[in-house]
Amino acid sequence: MNFTWHDWTGYLGVALVLLAYFLLQAHKLRGQGLVYQLMNVLGALGVLLSLVFGGSPMNWPAFLMQVAWIAIGVFGMVRGAALRRDARGRVRPGP
């Protein structure tokens, strides 16, 4: 079997998403954490690249799922950054 760059990108993407989920279940990552969100977004991006460059016909349901996965992950990162920023703003200086 001859693997191309987009095959490896897809396998790496799948590994990242599965590892993120495993680490979440093992309580090694937090679902709201940046590392978890990045692993999911980068993993979905890898799978998306393998779908786009992997030849035809396009698997549209899988493509749409990866786009949604990326959008939800980016939303989680933006929301997490806003919550962290708000939390820092609420810290009162000591006496």
PDB file of N, CA and C in Angstrom:
ATOM      1  N   MET A   1       0.843  -1.171   0.000  1.00  0.00           N
ATOM      2  CA  MET A   1       0.000   0.000   0.000  1.00  0.00           C
ATOM      3  C   MET A   1       0.891   1.238   0.000  1.00  0.00           C
ATOM      4  N   ASN A   2       0.542   2.210  -0.832  1.00  0.00           N
ATOM      5  CA  ASN A   2       1.331   3.420  -0.980  1.00  0.00           C
ATOM      6  C   ASN A   2       0.622   4.577  -0.272  1.00  0.00           C
ATOM      7  N   PHE A   3       1.240   5.096   0.804  1.00  0.00           N
ATOM      8  CA  PHE A   3       0.639   6.187   1.557  1.00  0.00           C
ATOM      9  C   PHE A   3       1.157   7.524   1.057  1.00  0.00           C
ATOM     10  N   THR A   4       0.252   8.468   0.899  1.00  0.00           N
ATOM     11  CA  THR A   4       0.605   9.828   0.498  1.00  0.00           C
ATOM     12  C   THR A   4       0.514  10.742   1.717  1.00  0.00           C
ATOM     13  N   TRP A   5       0.907  11.999   1.545  1.00  0.00           N
ATOM     14  CA  TRP A   5       0.892  12.946   2.667  1.00  0.00           C
ATOM     15  C   TRP A   5      -0.509  13.102   3.242  1.00  0.00           C
ATOM     16  N   HIS A   6      -1.538  13.093   2.385  1.00  0.00           N
ATOM     17  CA  HIS A   6      -2.892  13.291   2.901  1.00  0.00           C
ATOM     18  C   HIS A   6      -3.400  12.037   3.628  1.00  0.00           C
ATOM     19  N   ASP A   7      -2.885  10.864   3.271  1.00  0.00           N
ATOM     20  CA  ASP A   7      -3.221   9.673   4.053  1.00  0.00           C
ATOM     21  C   ASP A   7      -2.661   9.801   5.467  1.00  0.00           C
ATOM     22  N   TRP A   8      -1.384  10.180   5.569  1.00  0.00           N
ATOM     23  CA  TRP A   8      -0.758  10.324   6.883  1.00  0.00           C
ATOM     24  C   TRP A   8      -1.434  11.423   7.691  1.00  0.00           C
ATOM     25  N   THR A   9      -1.819  12.505   7.021  1.00  0.00           N
ATOM     26  CA  THR A   9      -2.516  13.600   7.700  1.00  0.00           C
ATOM     27  C   THR A   9      -3.841  13.105   8.268  1.00  0.00           C
ATOM     28  N   GLY A  10      -4.550  12.313   7.507  1.00  0.00           N
ATOM     29  CA  GLY A  10      -5.821  11.765   7.983  1.00  0.00           C
ATOM     30  C   GLY A  10      -5.641  10.822   9.160  1.00  0.00           C
ATOM     31  N   TYR A  11      -4.646   9.935   9.078  1.00  0.00           N
ATOM     32  CA  TYR A  11      -4.397   9.014  10.200  1.00  0.00           C
ATOM     33  C   TYR A  11      -3.975   9.762  11.457  1.00  0.00           C
ATOM     34  N   LEU A  12      -3.131  10.771  11.288  1.00  0.00           N
ATOM     35  CA  LEU A  12      -2.708  11.576  12.430  1.00  0.00           C
ATOM     36  C   LEU A  12      -3.902  12.316  13.031  1.00  0.00           C
ATOM     37  N   GLY A  13      -4.784  12.823  12.165  1.00  0.00           N
ATOM     38  CA  GLY A  13      -5.989  13.501  12.635  1.00  0.00           C
ATOM     39  C   GLY A  13      -6.878  12.586  13.454  1.00  0.00           C
ATOM     40  N   VAL A  14      -7.098  11.392  12.958  1.00  0.00           N
ATOM     41  CA  VAL A  14      -7.912  10.417  13.691  1.00  0.00           C
ATOM     42  C   VAL A  14      -7.259  10.095  15.035  1.00  0.00           C
ATOM     43  N   ALA A  15      -5.945   9.898  15.030  1.00  0.00           N
ATOM     44  CA  ALA A  15      -5.227   9.592  16.277  1.00  0.00           C
ATOM     45  C   ALA A  15      -5.363  10.727  17.281  1.00  0.00           C
ATOM     46  N   LEU A  16      -5.270  11.981  16.812  1.00  0.00           N
ATOM     47  CA  LEU A  16      -5.400  13.125  17.725  1.00  0.00           C
ATOM     48  C   LEU A  16      -6.786  13.196  18.358  1.00  0.00           C
ATOM     49  N   VAL A  17      -7.821  13.024  17.541  1.00  0.00           N
ATOM     50  CA  VAL A  17      -9.188  13.091  18.063  1.00  0.00           C
ATOM     51  C   VAL A  17      -9.437  11.966  19.061  1.00  0.00           C
ATOM     52  N   LEU A  18      -9.010  10.760  18.720  1.00  0.00           N
ATOM     53  CA  LEU A  18      -9.206   9.631  19.630  1.00  0.00           C
ATOM     54  C   LEU A  18      -8.384   9.781  20.910  1.00  0.00           C
ATOM     55  N   LEU A  19      -7.154  10.268  20.791  1.00  0.00           N
ATOM     56  CA  LEU A  19      -6.322  10.485  21.973  1.00  0.00           C
ATOM     57  C   LEU A  19      -6.926  11.564  22.872  1.00  0.00           C
ATOM     58  N   ALA A  20      -7.434  12.625  22.272  1.00  0.00           N
ATOM     59  CA  ALA A  20      -8.079  13.684  23.062  1.00  0.00           C
ATOM     60  C   ALA A  20      -9.259  13.119  23.844  1.00  0.00           C
ATOM     61  N   TYR A  21     -10.071  12.310  23.187  1.00  0.00           N
ATOM     62  CA  TYR A  21     -11.239  11.738  23.860  1.00  0.00           C
ATOM     63  C   TYR A  21     -10.804  10.772  24.963  1.00  0.00           C
ATOM     64  N   PHE A  22      -9.789   9.959  24.692  1.00  0.00           N
ATOM     65  CA  PHE A  22      -9.290   9.045  25.716  1.00  0.00           C
ATOM     66  C   PHE A  22      -8.768   9.819  26.930  1.00  0.00           C
ATOM     67  N   LEU A  23      -7.967  10.854  26.683  1.00  0.00           N
ATOM     68  CA  LEU A  23      -7.414  11.636  27.785  1.00  0.00           C
ATOM     69  C   LEU A  23      -8.503  12.361  28.569  1.00  0.00           C
ATOM     70  N   LEU A  24      -9.571  12.760  27.891  1.00  0.00           N
ATOM     71  CA  LEU A  24     -10.716  13.358  28.583  1.00  0.00           C
ATOM     72  C   LEU A  24     -11.366  12.329  29.497  1.00  0.00           C
ATOM     73  N   GLN A  25     -11.582  11.119  28.994  1.00  0.00           N
ATOM     74  CA  GLN A  25     -12.213  10.071  29.789  1.00  0.00           C
ATOM     75  C   GLN A  25     -11.326   9.604  30.936  1.00  0.00           C
ATOM     76  N   ALA A  26     -10.008   9.696  30.744  1.00  0.00           N
ATOM     77  CA  ALA A  26      -9.052   9.304  31.781  1.00  0.00           C
ATOM     78  C   ALA A  26      -8.800  10.445  32.778  1.00  0.00           C
ATOM     79  N   HIS A  27      -9.512  11.547  32.612  1.00  0.00           N
ATOM     80  CA  HIS A  27      -9.386  12.727  33.482  1.00  0.00           C
ATOM     81  C   HIS A  27      -7.986  13.326  33.445  1.00  0.00           C
ATOM     82  N   LYS A  28      -7.338  13.241  32.293  1.00  0.00           N
ATOM     83  CA  LYS A  28      -6.020  13.859  32.101  1.00  0.00           C
ATOM     84  C   LYS A  28      -6.143  15.210  31.407  1.00  0.00           C
ATOM     85  N   LEU A  29      -7.275  15.449  30.754  1.00  0.00           N
ATOM     86  CA  LEU A  29      -7.572  16.731  30.113  1.00  0.00           C
ATOM     87  C   LEU A  29      -8.953  17.188  30.558  1.00  0.00           C
ATOM     88  N   ARG A  30      -9.146  18.510  30.510  1.00  0.00           N
ATOM     89  CA  ARG A  30     -10.467  19.073  30.795  1.00  0.00           C
ATOM     90  C   ARG A  30     -11.156  19.391  29.470  1.00  0.00           C
ATOM     91  N   GLY A  31     -12.438  19.159  29.395  1.00  0.00           N
ATOM     92  CA  GLY A  31     -13.185  19.413  28.173  1.00  0.00           C
ATOM     93  C   GLY A  31     -13.179  20.872  27.757  1.00  0.00           C
ATOM     94  N   GLN A  32     -13.040  21.770  28.727  1.00  0.00           N
ATOM     95  CA  GLN A  32     -12.995  23.192  28.419  1.00  0.00           C
ATOM     96  C   GLN A  32     -11.568  23.679  28.176  1.00  0.00           C
ATOM     97  N   GLY A  33     -10.602  22.812  28.342  1.00  0.00           N
ATOM     98  CA  GLY A  33      -9.200  23.213  28.238  1.00  0.00           C
ATOM     99  C   GLY A  33      -8.750  23.449  26.810  1.00  0.00           C
ATOM    100  N   LEU A  34      -7.754  24.304  26.670  1.00  0.00           N
ATOM    101  CA  LEU A  34      -7.232  24.652  25.355  1.00  0.00           C
ATOM    102  C   LEU A  34      -6.587  23.455  24.663  1.00  0.00           C
ATOM    103  N   VAL A  35      -5.859  22.631  25.395  1.00  0.00           N
ATOM    104  CA  VAL A  35      -5.178  21.478  24.787  1.00  0.00           C
ATOM    105  C   VAL A  35      -6.200  20.526  24.171  1.00  0.00           C
ATOM    106  N   TYR A  36      -7.267  20.238  24.902  1.00  0.00           N
ATOM    107  CA  TYR A  36      -8.306  19.343  24.388  1.00  0.00           C
ATOM    108  C   TYR A  36      -8.923  19.914  23.109  1.00  0.00           C
ATOM    109  N   GLN A  37      -9.240  21.201  23.133  1.00  0.00           N
ATOM    110  CA  GLN A  37      -9.862  21.828  21.969  1.00  0.00           C
ATOM    111  C   GLN A  37      -8.907  21.840  20.777  1.00  0.00           C
ATOM    112  N   LEU A  38      -7.639  22.152  21.026  1.00  0.00           N
ATOM    113  CA  LEU A  38      -6.659  22.154  19.935  1.00  0.00           C
ATOM    114  C   LEU A  38      -6.480  20.766  19.327  1.00  0.00           C
ATOM    115  N   MET A  39      -6.430  19.751  20.171  1.00  0.00           N
ATOM    116  CA  MET A  39      -6.291  18.390  19.652  1.00  0.00           C
ATOM    117  C   MET A  39      -7.473  18.041  18.750  1.00  0.00           C
ATOM    118  N   ASN A  40      -8.661  18.435  19.137  1.00  0.00           N
ATOM    119  CA  ASN A  40      -9.845  18.157  18.326  1.00  0.00           C
ATOM    120  C   ASN A  40      -9.839  18.939  17.023  1.00  0.00           C
ATOM    121  N   VAL A  41      -9.508  20.225  17.086  1.00  0.00           N
ATOM    122  CA  VAL A  41      -9.505  21.044  15.874  1.00  0.00           C
ATOM    123  C   VAL A  41      -8.421  20.566  14.901  1.00  0.00           C
ATOM    124  N   LEU A  42      -7.217  20.331  15.405  1.00  0.00           N
ATOM    125  CA  LEU A  42      -6.141  19.872  14.522  1.00  0.00           C
ATOM    126  C   LEU A  42      -6.424  18.475  13.975  1.00  0.00           C
ATOM    127  N   GLY A  43      -7.013  17.618  14.796  1.00  0.00           N
ATOM    128  CA  GLY A  43      -7.383  16.286  14.329  1.00  0.00           C
ATOM    129  C   GLY A  43      -8.424  16.343  13.228  1.00  0.00           C
ATOM    130  N   ALA A  44      -9.458  17.150  13.436  1.00  0.00           N
ATOM    131  CA  ALA A  44     -10.502  17.294  12.415  1.00  0.00           C
ATOM    132  C   ALA A  44      -9.934  17.918  11.145  1.00  0.00           C
ATOM    133  N   LEU A  45      -9.009  18.853  11.288  1.00  0.00           N
ATOM    134  CA  LEU A  45      -8.384  19.456  10.123  1.00  0.00           C
ATOM    135  C   LEU A  45      -7.590  18.410   9.333  1.00  0.00           C
ATOM    136  N   GLY A  46      -6.892  17.524  10.033  1.00  0.00           N
ATOM    137  CA  GLY A  46      -6.164  16.457   9.353  1.00  0.00           C
ATOM    138  C   GLY A  46      -7.084  15.531   8.574  1.00  0.00           C
ATOM    139  N   VAL A  47      -8.189  15.148   9.190  1.00  0.00           N
ATOM    140  CA  VAL A  47      -9.161  14.288   8.501  1.00  0.00           C
ATOM    141  C   VAL A  47      -9.762  15.033   7.312  1.00  0.00           C
ATOM    142  N   LEU A  48     -10.055  16.311   7.504  1.00  0.00           N
ATOM    143  CA  LEU A  48     -10.625  17.127   6.431  1.00  0.00           C
ATOM    144  C   LEU A  48      -9.671  17.195   5.232  1.00  0.00           C
ATOM    145  N   LEU A  49      -8.385  17.408   5.497  1.00  0.00           N
ATOM    146  CA  LEU A  49      -7.409  17.448   4.404  1.00  0.00           C
ATOM    147  C   LEU A  49      -7.338  16.114   3.672  1.00  0.00           C
ATOM    148  N   SER A  50      -7.421  15.024   4.412  1.00  0.00           N
ATOM    149  CA  SER A  50      -7.375  13.719   3.752  1.00  0.00           C
ATOM    150  C   SER A  50      -8.615  13.494   2.885  1.00  0.00           C
ATOM    151  N   LEU A  51      -9.742  14.052   3.305  1.00  0.00           N
ATOM    152  CA  LEU A  51     -10.959  13.934   2.502  1.00  0.00           C
ATOM    153  C   LEU A  51     -10.877  14.779   1.233  1.00  0.00           C
ATOM    154  N   VAL A  52     -10.371  15.991   1.368  1.00  0.00           N
ATOM    155  CA  VAL A  52     -10.314  16.907   0.226  1.00  0.00           C
ATOM    156  C   VAL A  52      -9.310  16.442  -0.818  1.00  0.00           C
ATOM    157  N   PHE A  53      -8.139  15.991  -0.374  1.00  0.00           N
ATOM    158  CA  PHE A  53      -7.086  15.635  -1.308  1.00  0.00           C
ATOM    159  C   PHE A  53      -6.995  14.135  -1.577  1.00  0.00           C
ATOM    160  N   GLY A  54      -7.872  13.350  -0.962  1.00  0.00           N
ATOM    161  CA  GLY A  54      -7.794  11.905  -1.082  1.00  0.00           C
ATOM    162  C   GLY A  54      -8.389  11.320  -2.333  1.00  0.00           C
ATOM    163  N   GLY A  55      -8.930  12.131  -3.182  1.00  0.00           N
ATOM    164  CA  GLY A  55      -9.509  11.608  -4.418  1.00  0.00           C
ATOM    165  C   GLY A  55     -11.018  11.689  -4.397  1.00  0.00           C
ATOM    166  N   SER A  56     -11.611  11.243  -5.477  1.00  0.00           N
ATOM    167  CA  SER A  56     -13.053  11.351  -5.593  1.00  0.00           C
ATOM    168  C   SER A  56     -13.679   9.975  -5.461  1.00  0.00           C
ATOM    169  N   PRO A  57     -14.932   9.852  -5.224  1.00  0.00           N
ATOM    170  CA  PRO A  57     -15.856  10.962  -4.986  1.00  0.00           C
ATOM    171  C   PRO A  57     -15.732  11.484  -3.548  1.00  0.00           C
ATOM    172  N   MET A  58     -16.096  12.736  -3.367  1.00  0.00           N
ATOM    173  CA  MET A  58     -16.020  13.360  -2.046  1.00  0.00           C
ATOM    174  C   MET A  58     -17.044  12.713  -1.129  1.00  0.00           C
ATOM    175  N   ASN A  59     -16.632  12.425   0.090  1.00  0.00           N
ATOM    176  CA  ASN A  59     -17.529  11.905   1.120  1.00  0.00           C
ATOM    177  C   ASN A  59     -18.106  13.115   1.857  1.00  0.00           C
ATOM    178  N   TRP A  60     -19.215  13.639   1.360  1.00  0.00           N
ATOM    179  CA  TRP A  60     -19.779  14.885   1.881  1.00  0.00           C
ATOM    180  C   TRP A  60     -20.234  14.795   3.329  1.00  0.00           C
ATOM    181  N   PRO A  61     -20.867  13.720   3.773  1.00  0.00           N
ATOM    182  CA  PRO A  61     -21.235  13.660   5.188  1.00  0.00           C
ATOM    183  C   PRO A  61     -20.012  13.736   6.112  1.00  0.00           C
ATOM    184  N   ALA A  62     -18.939  13.025   5.775  1.00  0.00           N
ATOM    185  CA  ALA A  62     -17.726  13.076   6.589  1.00  0.00           C
ATOM    186  C   ALA A  62     -17.095  14.464   6.524  1.00  0.00           C
ATOM    187  N   PHE A  63     -17.114  15.083   5.351  1.00  0.00           N
ATOM    188  CA  PHE A  63     -16.596  16.443   5.190  1.00  0.00           C
ATOM    189  C   PHE A  63     -17.349  17.421   6.087  1.00  0.00           C
ATOM    190  N   LEU A  64     -18.675  17.366   6.038  1.00  0.00           N
ATOM    191  CA  LEU A  64     -19.495  18.274   6.855  1.00  0.00           C
ATOM    192  C   LEU A  64     -19.286  18.037   8.346  1.00  0.00           C
ATOM    193  N   MET A  65     -19.106  16.795   8.731  1.00  0.00           N
ATOM    194  CA  MET A  65     -18.851  16.501  10.139  1.00  0.00           C
ATOM    195  C   MET A  65     -17.538  17.130  10.600  1.00  0.00           C
ATOM    196  N   GLN A  66     -16.506  17.061   9.773  1.00  0.00           N
ATOM    197  CA  GLN A  66     -15.216  17.641  10.152  1.00  0.00           C
ATOM    198  C   GLN A  66     -15.291  19.165  10.211  1.00  0.00           C
ATOM    199  N   VAL A  67     -16.030  19.776   9.281  1.00  0.00           N
ATOM    200  CA  VAL A  67     -16.218  21.234   9.317  1.00  0.00           C
ATOM    201  C   VAL A  67     -16.940  21.624  10.609  1.00  0.00           C
ATOM    202  N   ALA A  68     -17.971  20.875  10.973  1.00  0.00           N
ATOM    203  CA  ALA A  68     -18.698  21.159  12.218  1.00  0.00           C
ATOM    204  C   ALA A  68     -17.792  20.950  13.429  1.00  0.00           C
ATOM    205  N   TRP A  69     -16.984  19.900  13.413  1.00  0.00           N
ATOM    206  CA  TRP A  69     -16.065  19.600  14.521  1.00  0.00           C
ATOM    207  C   TRP A  69     -15.081  20.754  14.712  1.00  0.00           C
ATOM    208  N   ILE A  70     -14.562  21.273  13.602  1.00  0.00           N
ATOM    209  CA  ILE A  70     -13.635  22.404  13.653  1.00  0.00           C
ATOM    210  C   ILE A  70     -14.346  23.644  14.194  1.00  0.00           C
ATOM    211  N   ALA A  71     -15.547  23.925  13.686  1.00  0.00           N
ATOM    212  CA  ALA A  71     -16.296  25.110  14.132  1.00  0.00           C
ATOM    213  C   ALA A  71     -16.600  25.036  15.625  1.00  0.00           C
ATOM    214  N   ILE A  72     -17.024  23.882  16.103  1.00  0.00           N
ATOM    215  CA  ILE A  72     -17.329  23.721  17.525  1.00  0.00           C
ATOM    216  C   ILE A  72     -16.058  23.861  18.357  1.00  0.00           C
ATOM    217  N   GLY A  73     -14.953  23.310  17.894  1.00  0.00           N
ATOM    218  CA  GLY A  73     -13.692  23.437  18.610  1.00  0.00           C
ATOM    219  C   GLY A  73     -13.211  24.872  18.687  1.00  0.00           C
ATOM    220  N   VAL A  74     -13.323  25.600  17.581  1.00  0.00           N
ATOM    221  CA  VAL A  74     -12.933  27.015  17.578  1.00  0.00           C
ATOM    222  C   VAL A  74     -13.839  27.806  18.512  1.00  0.00           C
ATOM    223  N   PHE A  75     -15.135  27.517  18.478  1.00  0.00           N
ATOM    224  CA  PHE A  75     -16.066  28.159  19.399  1.00  0.00           C
ATOM    225  C   PHE A  75     -15.642  27.907  20.845  1.00  0.00           C
ATOM    226  N   GLY A  76     -15.282  26.661  21.161  1.00  0.00           N
ATOM    227  CA  GLY A  76     -14.844  26.322  22.511  1.00  0.00           C
ATOM    228  C   GLY A  76     -13.584  27.072  22.910  1.00  0.00           C
ATOM    229  N   MET A  77     -12.640  27.235  21.978  1.00  0.00           N
ATOM    230  CA  MET A  77     -11.415  27.965  22.289  1.00  0.00           C
ATOM    231  C   MET A  77     -11.698  29.447  22.532  1.00  0.00           C
ATOM    232  N   VAL A  78     -12.548  30.042  21.700  1.00  0.00           N
ATOM    233  CA  VAL A  78     -12.891  31.458  21.866  1.00  0.00           C
ATOM    234  C   VAL A  78     -13.642  31.665  23.175  1.00  0.00           C
ATOM    235  N   ARG A  79     -14.592  30.794  23.456  1.00  0.00           N
ATOM    236  CA  ARG A  79     -15.362  30.897  24.697  1.00  0.00           C
ATOM    237  C   ARG A  79     -14.457  30.712  25.914  1.00  0.00           C
ATOM    238  N   GLY A  80     -13.555  29.740  25.850  1.00  0.00           N
ATOM    239  CA  GLY A  80     -12.629  29.512  26.956  1.00  0.00           C
ATOM    240  C   GLY A  80     -11.725  30.705  27.193  1.00  0.00           C
ATOM    241  N   ALA A  81     -11.253  31.321  26.112  1.00  0.00           N
ATOM    242  CA  ALA A  81     -10.393  32.511  26.246  1.00  0.00           C
ATOM    243  C   ALA A  81     -11.171  33.654  26.878  1.00  0.00           C
ATOM    244  N   ALA A  82     -12.428  33.817  26.474  1.00  0.00           N
ATOM    245  CA  ALA A  82     -13.251  34.882  27.058  1.00  0.00           C
ATOM    246  C   ALA A  82     -13.510  34.626  28.540  1.00  0.00           C
ATOM    247  N   LEU A  83     -13.779  33.380  28.904  1.00  0.00           N
ATOM    248  CA  LEU A  83     -14.015  33.056  30.314  1.00  0.00           C
ATOM    249  C   LEU A  83     -12.763  33.276  31.150  1.00  0.00           C
ATOM    250  N   ARG A  84     -11.609  32.902  30.604  1.00  0.00           N
ATOM    251  CA  ARG A  84     -10.356  33.131  31.339  1.00  0.00           C
ATOM    252  C   ARG A  84     -10.077  34.619  31.498  1.00  0.00           C
ATOM    253  N   ARG A  85     -10.351  35.398  30.454  1.00  0.00           N
ATOM    254  CA  ARG A  85     -10.144  36.845  30.510  1.00  0.00           C
ATOM    255  C   ARG A  85     -11.076  37.472  31.549  1.00  0.00           C
ATOM    256  N   ASP A  86     -12.342  37.043  31.565  1.00  0.00           N
ATOM    257  CA  ASP A  86     -13.293  37.557  32.546  1.00  0.00           C
ATOM    258  C   ASP A  86     -12.888  37.180  33.959  1.00  0.00           C
ATOM    259  N   ALA A  87     -12.408  35.955  34.137  1.00  0.00           N
ATOM    260  CA  ALA A  87     -11.990  35.503  35.466  1.00  0.00           C
ATOM    261  C   ALA A  87     -10.807  36.329  35.973  1.00  0.00           C
ATOM    262  N   ARG A  88      -9.879  36.671  35.099  1.00  0.00           N
ATOM    263  CA  ARG A  88      -8.753  37.509  35.508  1.00  0.00           C
ATOM    264  C   ARG A  88      -9.219  38.900  35.881  1.00  0.00           C
ATOM    265  N   GLY A  89     -10.227  39.415  35.196  1.00  0.00           N
ATOM    266  CA  GLY A  89     -10.754  40.748  35.477  1.00  0.00           C
ATOM    267  C   GLY A  89     -11.496  40.834  36.786  1.00  0.00           C
ATOM    268  N   ARG A  90     -12.023  39.699  37.258  1.00  0.00           N
ATOM    269  CA  ARG A  90     -12.786  39.667  38.511  1.00  0.00           C
ATOM    270  C   ARG A  90     -11.914  39.473  39.744  1.00  0.00           C
ATOM    271  N   VAL A  91     -10.663  39.184  39.548  1.00  0.00           N
ATOM    272  CA  VAL A  91      -9.769  38.963  40.692  1.00  0.00           C
ATOM    273  C   VAL A  91      -9.526  40.321  41.349  1.00  0.00           C
ATOM    274  N   ARG A  92      -9.817  40.362  42.649  1.00  0.00           N
ATOM    275  CA  ARG A  92      -9.633  41.618  43.387  1.00  0.00           C
ATOM    276  C   ARG A  92      -8.235  41.650  43.985  1.00  0.00           C
ATOM    277  N   PRO A  93      -7.615  42.809  43.926  1.00  0.00           N
ATOM    278  CA  PRO A  93      -6.282  42.912  44.549  1.00  0.00           C
ATOM    279  C   PRO A  93      -6.397  42.773  46.061  1.00  0.00           C
ATOM    280  N   GLY A  94      -5.382  42.193  46.652  1.00  0.00           N
ATOM    281  CA  GLY A  94      -5.354  41.985  48.103  1.00  0.00           C
ATOM    282  C   GLY A  94      -5.092  43.285  48.846  1.00  0.00           C
ATOM    283  N   PRO A  95      -5.266  43.252  50.175  1.00  0.00           N
ATOM    284  CA  PRO A  95      -5.070  44.466  50.965  1.00  0.00           C
ATOM    285  C   PRO A  95      -3.647  44.936  51.027  1.00  0.00           C
TER     286      PRO A  95
END
